[in-house]
Amino acid sequence: RRFVAMVETPTGCLFEDIQREDIHVEAAVGRGTFGVVFKAKWKGKDVAIKTIESENERNAFLVELRQLSRVNHPNIVKLYGSCDNPVCLVMEYAECGSLYNRKSYCVFRK
């Protein structure tokens, strides 16, 4: 059974079913709400890969997937898609790092 199929997404909110072999993981860059966050390349662009480490983190994963699949705004990290094996989110890479650890704001490029 497809993992992401358990999440209801609003009409018009599309994200891709991404294959693991299409992702080139470069390095671990931190920890998120759940699991580890990696910098990677997908379709020639820098992306962040958020993984889950245990079944206990599945609910947090589903909440984030549901929330990000509903929004499309330049100030919110874009969800490109998800991967089933391993279970992960493929998201826009925020070059300035986590806002949680930052004391100043990043300069956003257009």
N, C-alpha and C. Protein backbone atom coordinates (compact mmCIF):
# COMPACT_ATOMS: atom_id res chain seq x y z
N ARG A 1 0.85 -1.19 0.00
CA ARG A 1 0.00 0.00 0.00
C ARG A 1 0.88 1.24 0.00
N ARG A 2 0.58 2.15 -0.85
CA ARG A 2 1.36 3.38 -0.99
C ARG A 2 1.20 4.24 0.25
N PHE A 3 2.33 4.66 0.85
CA PHE A 3 2.34 5.43 2.10
C PHE A 3 1.61 6.75 1.96
N VAL A 4 1.91 7.52 0.92
CA VAL A 4 1.34 8.86 0.76
C VAL A 4 -0.14 8.79 0.43
N ALA A 5 -0.61 7.67 -0.07
CA ALA A 5 -2.03 7.53 -0.40
C ALA A 5 -2.91 7.69 0.84
N MET A 6 -2.34 7.55 2.02
CA MET A 6 -3.10 7.71 3.25
C MET A 6 -3.39 9.17 3.55
N VAL A 7 -2.79 10.08 2.82
CA VAL A 7 -2.95 11.50 3.08
C VAL A 7 -3.91 12.09 2.06
N GLU A 8 -4.94 12.75 2.56
CA GLU A 8 -5.86 13.44 1.65
C GLU A 8 -5.24 14.77 1.27
N THR A 9 -5.10 15.02 -0.03
CA THR A 9 -4.58 16.30 -0.48
C THR A 9 -5.69 17.05 -1.20
N PRO A 10 -5.75 18.35 -0.98
CA PRO A 10 -6.79 19.15 -1.63
C PRO A 10 -6.65 19.12 -3.15
N THR A 11 -7.76 19.29 -3.84
CA THR A 11 -7.75 19.35 -5.29
C THR A 11 -6.81 20.45 -5.77
N GLY A 12 -5.99 20.13 -6.75
CA GLY A 12 -5.08 21.13 -7.31
C GLY A 12 -3.73 21.18 -6.62
N CYS A 13 -3.56 20.48 -5.50
CA CYS A 13 -2.27 20.45 -4.80
C CYS A 13 -1.53 19.19 -5.23
N LEU A 14 -0.59 19.36 -6.12
CA LEU A 14 0.11 18.21 -6.66
C LEU A 14 1.53 18.15 -6.17
N PHE A 15 1.98 16.95 -5.87
CA PHE A 15 3.38 16.71 -5.60
C PHE A 15 3.71 15.35 -6.18
N GLU A 16 4.97 15.16 -6.49
CA GLU A 16 5.38 13.97 -7.22
C GLU A 16 5.66 12.78 -6.32
N ASP A 17 5.45 11.61 -6.89
CA ASP A 17 5.90 10.36 -6.29
C ASP A 17 7.33 10.18 -6.80
N ILE A 18 8.30 10.44 -5.95
CA ILE A 18 9.71 10.48 -6.37
C ILE A 18 10.38 9.15 -6.07
N GLN A 19 11.14 8.67 -7.02
CA GLN A 19 11.87 7.42 -6.87
C GLN A 19 13.22 7.68 -6.20
N ARG A 20 13.62 6.81 -5.30
CA ARG A 20 14.88 6.97 -4.55
C ARG A 20 16.08 7.06 -5.49
N GLU A 21 16.07 6.33 -6.58
CA GLU A 21 17.21 6.33 -7.49
C GLU A 21 17.37 7.67 -8.23
N ASP A 22 16.36 8.52 -8.18
CA ASP A 22 16.44 9.84 -8.81
C ASP A 22 17.03 10.91 -7.88
N ILE A 23 17.32 10.52 -6.64
CA ILE A 23 17.84 11.45 -5.62
C ILE A 23 19.30 11.13 -5.36
N HIS A 24 20.15 12.15 -5.40
CA HIS A 24 21.57 11.98 -5.07
C HIS A 24 21.84 12.71 -3.75
N VAL A 25 21.93 11.94 -2.65
CA VAL A 25 22.13 12.53 -1.33
C VAL A 25 23.58 12.98 -1.19
N GLU A 26 23.78 14.22 -0.71
CA GLU A 26 25.12 14.78 -0.56
C GLU A 26 25.62 14.75 0.88
N ALA A 27 24.81 15.24 1.83
CA ALA A 27 25.28 15.30 3.22
C ALA A 27 24.13 15.53 4.18
N ALA A 28 24.29 15.05 5.40
CA ALA A 28 23.32 15.36 6.46
C ALA A 28 23.54 16.80 6.88
N VAL A 29 22.45 17.55 7.04
CA VAL A 29 22.58 18.97 7.41
C VAL A 29 21.89 19.29 8.73
N GLY A 30 21.17 18.34 9.31
CA GLY A 30 20.55 18.61 10.60
C GLY A 30 19.42 17.67 10.90
N ARG A 31 18.69 18.04 11.95
CA ARG A 31 17.54 17.26 12.37
C ARG A 31 16.30 18.14 12.26
N GLY A 32 15.20 17.54 11.85
CA GLY A 32 13.95 18.26 11.78
C GLY A 32 13.02 17.83 12.89
N THR A 33 11.74 18.09 12.72
CA THR A 33 10.73 17.67 13.68
C THR A 33 10.80 16.16 13.85
N PHE A 34 11.12 15.51 12.78
CA PHE A 34 11.31 14.06 12.81
C PHE A 34 12.52 13.73 11.96
N GLY A 35 13.27 12.74 12.34
CA GLY A 35 14.35 12.22 11.52
C GLY A 35 15.47 13.19 11.19
N VAL A 36 16.21 12.82 10.17
CA VAL A 36 17.39 13.57 9.74
C VAL A 36 17.07 14.30 8.45
N VAL A 37 17.68 15.47 8.27
CA VAL A 37 17.52 16.26 7.05
C VAL A 37 18.84 16.19 6.27
N PHE A 38 18.74 15.86 5.01
CA PHE A 38 19.90 15.76 4.12
C PHE A 38 19.80 16.77 3.00
N LYS A 39 20.94 17.27 2.56
CA LYS A 39 21.00 18.05 1.31
C LYS A 39 21.20 17.04 0.20
N ALA A 40 20.49 17.24 -0.91
CA ALA A 40 20.57 16.30 -2.02
C ALA A 40 20.35 17.03 -3.33
N LYS A 41 20.52 16.31 -4.42
CA LYS A 41 20.21 16.81 -5.77
C LYS A 41 19.09 15.96 -6.34
N TRP A 42 18.13 16.64 -6.95
CA TRP A 42 17.02 15.97 -7.63
C TRP A 42 16.67 16.82 -8.84
N LYS A 43 16.68 16.21 -10.00
CA LYS A 43 16.38 16.91 -11.26
C LYS A 43 17.26 18.16 -11.43
N GLY A 44 18.52 18.05 -11.00
CA GLY A 44 19.47 19.14 -11.18
C GLY A 44 19.36 20.27 -10.18
N LYS A 45 18.49 20.17 -9.19
CA LYS A 45 18.37 21.25 -8.22
C LYS A 45 18.67 20.75 -6.81
N ASP A 46 19.13 21.69 -5.96
CA ASP A 46 19.36 21.37 -4.56
C ASP A 46 18.02 21.17 -3.87
N VAL A 47 17.91 20.10 -3.10
CA VAL A 47 16.69 19.82 -2.35
C VAL A 47 17.08 19.38 -0.94
N ALA A 48 16.11 19.47 -0.04
CA ALA A 48 16.26 18.93 1.31
C ALA A 48 15.43 17.65 1.37
N ILE A 49 16.00 16.62 1.94
CA ILE A 49 15.32 15.35 2.11
C ILE A 49 15.08 15.16 3.61
N LYS A 50 13.82 15.07 4.01
CA LYS A 50 13.47 14.83 5.41
C LYS A 50 13.02 13.39 5.55
N THR A 51 13.68 12.66 6.43
CA THR A 51 13.38 11.25 6.62
C THR A 51 12.76 11.00 7.99
N ILE A 52 12.12 9.85 8.13
CA ILE A 52 11.67 9.43 9.44
C ILE A 52 12.57 8.27 9.88
N GLU A 53 12.80 8.19 11.17
CA GLU A 53 13.67 7.15 11.70
C GLU A 53 12.92 6.02 12.37
N SER A 54 11.65 6.25 12.73
CA SER A 54 10.88 5.21 13.40
C SER A 54 9.41 5.37 13.09
N GLU A 55 8.66 4.34 13.38
CA GLU A 55 7.21 4.38 13.19
C GLU A 55 6.56 5.44 14.07
N ASN A 56 7.18 5.76 15.20
CA ASN A 56 6.64 6.78 16.10
C ASN A 56 6.61 8.15 15.44
N GLU A 57 7.47 8.38 14.46
CA GLU A 57 7.56 9.67 13.79
C GLU A 57 6.63 9.77 12.59
N ARG A 58 5.92 8.70 12.29
CA ARG A 58 5.04 8.67 11.12
C ARG A 58 3.94 9.73 11.19
N ASN A 59 3.35 9.94 12.37
CA ASN A 59 2.29 10.96 12.49
C ASN A 59 2.81 12.35 12.20
N ALA A 60 4.00 12.70 12.71
CA ALA A 60 4.59 14.01 12.42
C ALA A 60 4.86 14.15 10.93
N PHE A 61 5.31 13.07 10.31
CA PHE A 61 5.56 13.06 8.87
C PHE A 61 4.27 13.34 8.10
N LEU A 62 3.19 12.65 8.48
CA LEU A 62 1.92 12.83 7.79
C LEU A 62 1.37 14.24 7.96
N VAL A 63 1.52 14.82 9.15
CA VAL A 63 1.07 16.18 9.39
C VAL A 63 1.83 17.16 8.50
N GLU A 64 3.16 17.03 8.46
CA GLU A 64 3.96 17.94 7.63
C GLU A 64 3.64 17.76 6.15
N LEU A 65 3.48 16.54 5.71
CA LEU A 65 3.12 16.28 4.32
C LEU A 65 1.78 16.92 3.99
N ARG A 66 0.81 16.75 4.85
CA ARG A 66 -0.52 17.32 4.63
C ARG A 66 -0.46 18.84 4.58
N GLN A 67 0.27 19.45 5.52
CA GLN A 67 0.35 20.91 5.57
C GLN A 67 1.06 21.48 4.35
N LEU A 68 2.23 20.93 4.03
CA LEU A 68 3.00 21.47 2.91
C LEU A 68 2.33 21.23 1.56
N SER A 69 1.54 20.18 1.45
CA SER A 69 0.87 19.90 0.17
C SER A 69 -0.27 20.89 -0.10
N ARG A 70 -0.67 21.62 0.92
CA ARG A 70 -1.80 22.56 0.78
C ARG A 70 -1.37 24.00 0.51
N VAL A 71 -0.09 24.28 0.61
CA VAL A 71 0.34 25.68 0.47
C VAL A 71 1.27 25.86 -0.73
N ASN A 72 1.19 27.05 -1.28
CA ASN A 72 2.09 27.44 -2.37
C ASN A 72 2.34 28.94 -2.20
N HIS A 73 3.44 29.27 -1.53
CA HIS A 73 3.75 30.67 -1.23
C HIS A 73 5.26 30.84 -1.27
N PRO A 74 5.76 31.96 -1.78
CA PRO A 74 7.21 32.15 -1.90
C PRO A 74 7.96 32.15 -0.57
N ASN A 75 7.27 32.40 0.55
CA ASN A 75 7.93 32.42 1.85
C ASN A 75 7.81 31.11 2.62
N ILE A 76 7.25 30.09 1.98
CA ILE A 76 7.11 28.78 2.61
C ILE A 76 7.86 27.77 1.76
N VAL A 77 8.64 26.93 2.41
CA VAL A 77 9.42 25.92 1.71
C VAL A 77 8.48 25.06 0.86
N LYS A 78 8.86 24.85 -0.39
CA LYS A 78 8.03 24.11 -1.34
C LYS A 78 8.25 22.61 -1.19
N LEU A 79 7.14 21.88 -1.19
CA LEU A 79 7.18 20.43 -1.21
C LEU A 79 7.18 19.98 -2.67
N TYR A 80 8.24 19.29 -3.09
CA TYR A 80 8.29 18.77 -4.46
C TYR A 80 7.62 17.41 -4.56
N GLY A 81 7.78 16.60 -3.51
CA GLY A 81 7.18 15.28 -3.55
C GLY A 81 7.60 14.44 -2.37
N SER A 82 7.31 13.16 -2.48
CA SER A 82 7.68 12.23 -1.42
C SER A 82 8.18 10.94 -2.04
N CYS A 83 8.86 10.18 -1.22
CA CYS A 83 9.46 8.92 -1.64
C CYS A 83 9.00 7.84 -0.66
N ASP A 84 8.70 6.67 -1.16
CA ASP A 84 8.23 5.57 -0.31
C ASP A 84 9.34 4.76 0.34
N ASN A 85 10.44 4.60 -0.35
CA ASN A 85 11.48 3.70 0.14
C ASN A 85 12.86 4.27 -0.10
N PRO A 86 13.46 4.91 0.89
CA PRO A 86 12.94 5.11 2.25
C PRO A 86 11.88 6.21 2.26
N VAL A 87 11.03 6.20 3.28
CA VAL A 87 9.98 7.20 3.42
C VAL A 87 10.63 8.55 3.69
N CYS A 88 10.37 9.54 2.81
CA CYS A 88 10.95 10.86 3.00
C CYS A 88 10.15 11.91 2.22
N LEU A 89 10.34 13.15 2.63
CA LEU A 89 9.81 14.30 1.91
C LEU A 89 10.94 14.90 1.10
N VAL A 90 10.66 15.34 -0.11
CA VAL A 90 11.62 16.02 -0.96
C VAL A 90 11.13 17.46 -1.07
N MET A 91 11.95 18.38 -0.52
CA MET A 91 11.51 19.76 -0.37
C MET A 91 12.56 20.72 -0.91
N GLU A 92 12.12 21.96 -1.11
CA GLU A 92 13.02 23.03 -1.49
C GLU A 92 14.13 23.14 -0.43
N TYR A 93 15.36 23.34 -0.89
CA TYR A 93 16.48 23.48 0.04
C TYR A 93 16.62 24.94 0.45
N ALA A 94 16.56 25.22 1.74
CA ALA A 94 16.73 26.58 2.27
C ALA A 94 18.20 26.78 2.58
N GLU A 95 18.87 27.52 1.73
CA GLU A 95 20.32 27.68 1.79
C GLU A 95 20.81 28.27 3.11
N CYS A 96 20.00 29.08 3.76
CA CYS A 96 20.44 29.74 4.99
C CYS A 96 20.29 28.88 6.23
N GLY A 97 19.76 27.68 6.10
CA GLY A 97 19.62 26.79 7.23
C GLY A 97 18.31 26.98 7.97
N SER A 98 18.22 26.35 9.13
CA SER A 98 17.01 26.36 9.94
C SER A 98 16.77 27.72 10.58
N LEU A 99 15.54 28.19 10.54
CA LEU A 99 15.19 29.44 11.22
C LEU A 99 15.26 29.28 12.73
N TYR A 100 15.08 28.05 13.21
CA TYR A 100 15.16 27.77 14.64
C TYR A 100 16.53 28.15 15.20
N ASN A 101 17.57 27.92 14.42
CA ASN A 101 18.94 28.17 14.88
C ASN A 101 19.49 29.54 14.48
N ARG A 102 18.72 30.31 13.74
CA ARG A 102 19.20 31.60 13.23
C ARG A 102 18.77 32.73 14.14
N LYS A 103 19.67 33.67 14.38
CA LYS A 103 19.32 34.86 15.16
C LYS A 103 19.00 36.04 14.26
N SER A 104 19.40 35.94 13.01
CA SER A 104 19.10 37.01 12.05
C SER A 104 18.40 36.38 10.86
N TYR A 105 17.78 37.19 10.06
CA TYR A 105 17.05 36.69 8.91
C TYR A 105 17.97 36.53 7.71
N CYS A 106 17.61 35.59 6.86
CA CYS A 106 18.32 35.39 5.60
C CYS A 106 17.93 36.49 4.63
N VAL A 107 18.77 36.74 3.71
CA VAL A 107 18.41 37.65 2.60
C VAL A 107 17.84 36.77 1.52
N PHE A 108 16.60 37.03 1.15
CA PHE A 108 15.94 36.20 0.14
C PHE A 108 16.27 36.72 -1.24
N ARG A 109 16.60 35.78 -2.12
CA ARG A 109 16.89 36.13 -3.51
C ARG A 109 15.63 35.97 -4.33
N LYS A 110 15.51 36.80 -5.36
CA LYS A 110 14.37 36.67 -6.28
C LYS A 110 14.72 35.76 -7.41
